[in-house]
Amino acid sequence: MTYLYLGIAILSEVVATTFLKLSDGFSKPLPSLVTVAGYAVAFYFLSLTLRSLPTGVVYAVWSGVGVVLIATIAWVFQSQKLDTAALCGMGLIVSGVVVINLFSSASSQ
């Protein structure tokens, strides 16, 4: 259940960040509302995740997966470009998250 909570937190944060861009500096009410609600849901579920898993591991997964998802959404839906360095960097982030989850005893606490 803990990883489900983390997944909900990550997806909520990704939605909130996507709508943050669309809110145009909080000048558009609906995207602004989605942003605030998304972050509220994200932090609530993140707090539930932190009951069971170490903060460092949770934050590594949260930020790593979030960065890749946000960059992908920005690339696909907002026509933002990703160069080779950005793609390599995201590959390293994903690799780091995989290493933590597969090989670190810290992730199983």
C-alpha atoms as a PDB file:
ATOM      1  CA  MET A   1       0.000   0.000   0.000  1.00  0.00           C
ATOM      2  CA  THR A   2       2.927   2.340   0.688  1.00  0.00           C
ATOM      3  CA  TYR A   3       4.080   2.309  -2.932  1.00  0.00           C
ATOM      4  CA  LEU A   4       0.507   2.941  -4.074  1.00  0.00           C
ATOM      5  CA  TYR A   5       0.485   6.052  -1.875  1.00  0.00           C
ATOM      6  CA  LEU A   6       3.817   7.098  -3.350  1.00  0.00           C
ATOM      7  CA  GLY A   7       2.481   6.573  -6.865  1.00  0.00           C
ATOM      8  CA  ILE A   8      -0.567   8.715  -6.122  1.00  0.00           C
ATOM      9  CA  ALA A   9       1.698  11.402  -4.648  1.00  0.00           C
ATOM     10  CA  ILE A  10       3.917  11.391  -7.725  1.00  0.00           C
ATOM     11  CA  LEU A  11       1.046  11.493 -10.210  1.00  0.00           C
ATOM     12  CA  SER A  12      -0.689  14.272  -8.265  1.00  0.00           C
ATOM     13  CA  GLU A  13       2.511  16.305  -8.221  1.00  0.00           C
ATOM     14  CA  VAL A  14       2.988  15.767 -11.962  1.00  0.00           C
ATOM     15  CA  VAL A  15      -0.573  16.936 -12.668  1.00  0.00           C
ATOM     16  CA  ALA A  16      -0.086  19.946 -10.369  1.00  0.00           C
ATOM     17  CA  THR A  17       3.190  20.918 -12.026  1.00  0.00           C
ATOM     18  CA  THR A  18       1.711  20.534 -15.503  1.00  0.00           C
ATOM     19  CA  PHE A  19      -1.186  22.794 -14.564  1.00  0.00           C
ATOM     20  CA  LEU A  20       1.203  25.228 -12.884  1.00  0.00           C
ATOM     21  CA  LYS A  21       2.595  25.963 -16.333  1.00  0.00           C
ATOM     22  CA  LEU A  22      -0.948  26.286 -17.706  1.00  0.00           C
ATOM     23  CA  SER A  23      -2.009  28.623 -14.866  1.00  0.00           C
ATOM     24  CA  ASP A  24       0.147  31.373 -16.397  1.00  0.00           C
ATOM     25  CA  GLY A  25       1.390  32.716 -13.078  1.00  0.00           C
ATOM     26  CA  PHE A  26      -1.879  31.869 -11.307  1.00  0.00           C
ATOM     27  CA  SER A  27      -3.756  34.247 -13.615  1.00  0.00           C
ATOM     28  CA  LYS A  28      -6.119  31.523 -14.897  1.00  0.00           C
ATOM     29  CA  PRO A  29      -8.534  30.243 -12.235  1.00  0.00           C
ATOM     30  CA  LEU A  30      -9.155  26.630 -13.317  1.00  0.00           C
ATOM     31  CA  PRO A  31      -5.508  25.632 -13.886  1.00  0.00           C
ATOM     32  CA  SER A  32      -4.619  27.453 -10.649  1.00  0.00           C
ATOM     33  CA  LEU A  33      -7.225  25.461  -8.738  1.00  0.00           C
ATOM     34  CA  VAL A  34      -5.976  22.175 -10.215  1.00  0.00           C
ATOM     35  CA  THR A  35      -2.419  23.153  -9.243  1.00  0.00           C
ATOM     36  CA  VAL A  36      -3.288  23.860  -5.616  1.00  0.00           C
ATOM     37  CA  ALA A  37      -5.495  20.757  -5.296  1.00  0.00           C
ATOM     38  CA  GLY A  38      -2.868  18.583  -6.969  1.00  0.00           C
ATOM     39  CA  TYR A  39      -0.122  19.685  -4.614  1.00  0.00           C
ATOM     40  CA  ALA A  40      -2.413  19.212  -1.601  1.00  0.00           C
ATOM     41  CA  VAL A  41      -3.184  15.634  -2.649  1.00  0.00           C
ATOM     42  CA  ALA A  42       0.486  15.010  -3.463  1.00  0.00           C
ATOM     43  CA  PHE A  43       1.749  16.142  -0.077  1.00  0.00           C
ATOM     44  CA  TYR A  44      -0.976  14.276   1.790  1.00  0.00           C
ATOM     45  CA  PHE A  45      -0.079  10.989   0.118  1.00  0.00           C
ATOM     46  CA  LEU A  46       3.627  11.743   0.454  1.00  0.00           C
ATOM     47  CA  SER A  47       3.096  12.108   4.203  1.00  0.00           C
ATOM     48  CA  LEU A  48       1.408   8.700   4.303  1.00  0.00           C
ATOM     49  CA  THR A  49       4.342   7.190   2.422  1.00  0.00           C
ATOM     50  CA  LEU A  50       6.806   8.658   4.919  1.00  0.00           C
ATOM     51  CA  ARG A  51       5.169   6.659   7.715  1.00  0.00           C
ATOM     52  CA  SER A  52       6.728   3.486   6.294  1.00  0.00           C
ATOM     53  CA  LEU A  53       9.730   4.383   4.149  1.00  0.00           C
ATOM     54  CA  PRO A  54      12.855   6.475   4.832  1.00  0.00           C
ATOM     55  CA  THR A  55      12.692  10.095   3.728  1.00  0.00           C
ATOM     56  CA  GLY A  56      15.767   9.872   1.497  1.00  0.00           C
ATOM     57  CA  VAL A  57      14.460   6.895  -0.448  1.00  0.00           C
ATOM     58  CA  VAL A  58      10.991   8.398  -0.812  1.00  0.00           C
ATOM     59  CA  TYR A  59      12.390  11.702  -2.000  1.00  0.00           C
ATOM     60  CA  ALA A  60      14.737  10.020  -4.477  1.00  0.00           C
ATOM     61  CA  VAL A  61      11.877   8.075  -6.040  1.00  0.00           C
ATOM     62  CA  TRP A  62       9.474  11.048  -5.888  1.00  0.00           C
ATOM     63  CA  SER A  63      11.868  13.469  -7.527  1.00  0.00           C
ATOM     64  CA  GLY A  64      13.356  11.008 -10.020  1.00  0.00           C
ATOM     65  CA  VAL A  65      10.083   9.713 -11.374  1.00  0.00           C
ATOM     66  CA  GLY A  66       8.555  13.189 -11.213  1.00  0.00           C
ATOM     67  CA  VAL A  67      11.368  14.770 -13.246  1.00  0.00           C
ATOM     68  CA  VAL A  68      11.091  12.168 -15.979  1.00  0.00           C
ATOM     69  CA  LEU A  69       7.285  12.341 -16.147  1.00  0.00           C
ATOM     70  CA  ILE A  70       7.192  16.152 -16.173  1.00  0.00           C
ATOM     71  CA  ALA A  71       9.884  16.342 -18.853  1.00  0.00           C
ATOM     72  CA  THR A  72       8.016  13.791 -20.975  1.00  0.00           C
ATOM     73  CA  ILE A  73       4.704  15.624 -20.620  1.00  0.00           C
ATOM     74  CA  ALA A  74       6.371  18.949 -21.447  1.00  0.00           C
ATOM     75  CA  TRP A  75       7.983  17.362 -24.513  1.00  0.00           C
ATOM     76  CA  VAL A  76       4.811  15.655 -25.786  1.00  0.00           C
ATOM     77  CA  PHE A  77       2.124  18.197 -24.920  1.00  0.00           C
ATOM     78  CA  GLN A  78       3.931  21.530 -24.608  1.00  0.00           C
ATOM     79  CA  SER A  79       6.465  21.147 -27.444  1.00  0.00           C
ATOM     80  CA  GLN A  80       9.438  21.656 -25.157  1.00  0.00           C
ATOM     81  CA  LYS A  81      12.643  20.212 -26.541  1.00  0.00           C
ATOM     82  CA  LEU A  82      14.852  17.636 -24.842  1.00  0.00           C
ATOM     83  CA  ASP A  83      18.438  17.469 -26.038  1.00  0.00           C
ATOM     84  CA  THR A  84      20.845  14.564 -25.706  1.00  0.00           C
ATOM     85  CA  ALA A  85      22.268  15.821 -22.421  1.00  0.00           C
ATOM     86  CA  ALA A  86      18.772  16.101 -20.908  1.00  0.00           C
ATOM     87  CA  LEU A  87      17.874  12.583 -22.044  1.00  0.00           C
ATOM     88  CA  CYS A  88      21.153  11.166 -20.697  1.00  0.00           C
ATOM     89  CA  GLY A  89      20.630  12.965 -17.390  1.00  0.00           C
ATOM     90  CA  MET A  90      17.119  11.575 -17.047  1.00  0.00           C
ATOM     91  CA  GLY A  91      18.465   8.137 -17.867  1.00  0.00           C
ATOM     92  CA  LEU A  92      20.917   8.485 -14.994  1.00  0.00           C
ATOM     93  CA  ILE A  93      18.110   9.593 -12.676  1.00  0.00           C
ATOM     94  CA  VAL A  94      16.025   6.554 -13.588  1.00  0.00           C
ATOM     95  CA  SER A  95      19.064   4.318 -13.132  1.00  0.00           C
ATOM     96  CA  GLY A  96      19.650   5.767  -9.683  1.00  0.00           C
ATOM     97  CA  VAL A  97      16.053   5.146  -8.625  1.00  0.00           C
ATOM     98  CA  VAL A  98      16.267   1.562  -9.897  1.00  0.00           C
ATOM     99  CA  VAL A  99      19.546   0.954  -8.026  1.00  0.00           C
ATOM    100  CA  ILE A 100      18.069   2.323  -4.797  1.00  0.00           C
ATOM    101  CA  ASN A 101      14.975   0.153  -5.054  1.00  0.00           C
ATOM    102  CA  LEU A 102      16.705  -3.042  -6.153  1.00  0.00           C
ATOM    103  CA  PHE A 103      19.970  -3.005  -4.248  1.00  0.00           C
ATOM    104  CA  SER A 104      19.729  -0.664  -1.254  1.00  0.00           C
ATOM    105  CA  SER A 105      18.672  -2.039   2.107  1.00  0.00           C
ATOM    106  CA  ALA A 106      17.468   1.485   2.946  1.00  0.00           C
ATOM    107  CA  SER A 107      14.479   1.058   0.619  1.00  0.00           C
ATOM    108  CA  SER A 108      13.166  -1.954   2.509  1.00  0.00           C
ATOM    109  CA  GLN A 109      12.951  -0.353   5.956  1.00  0.00           C
END
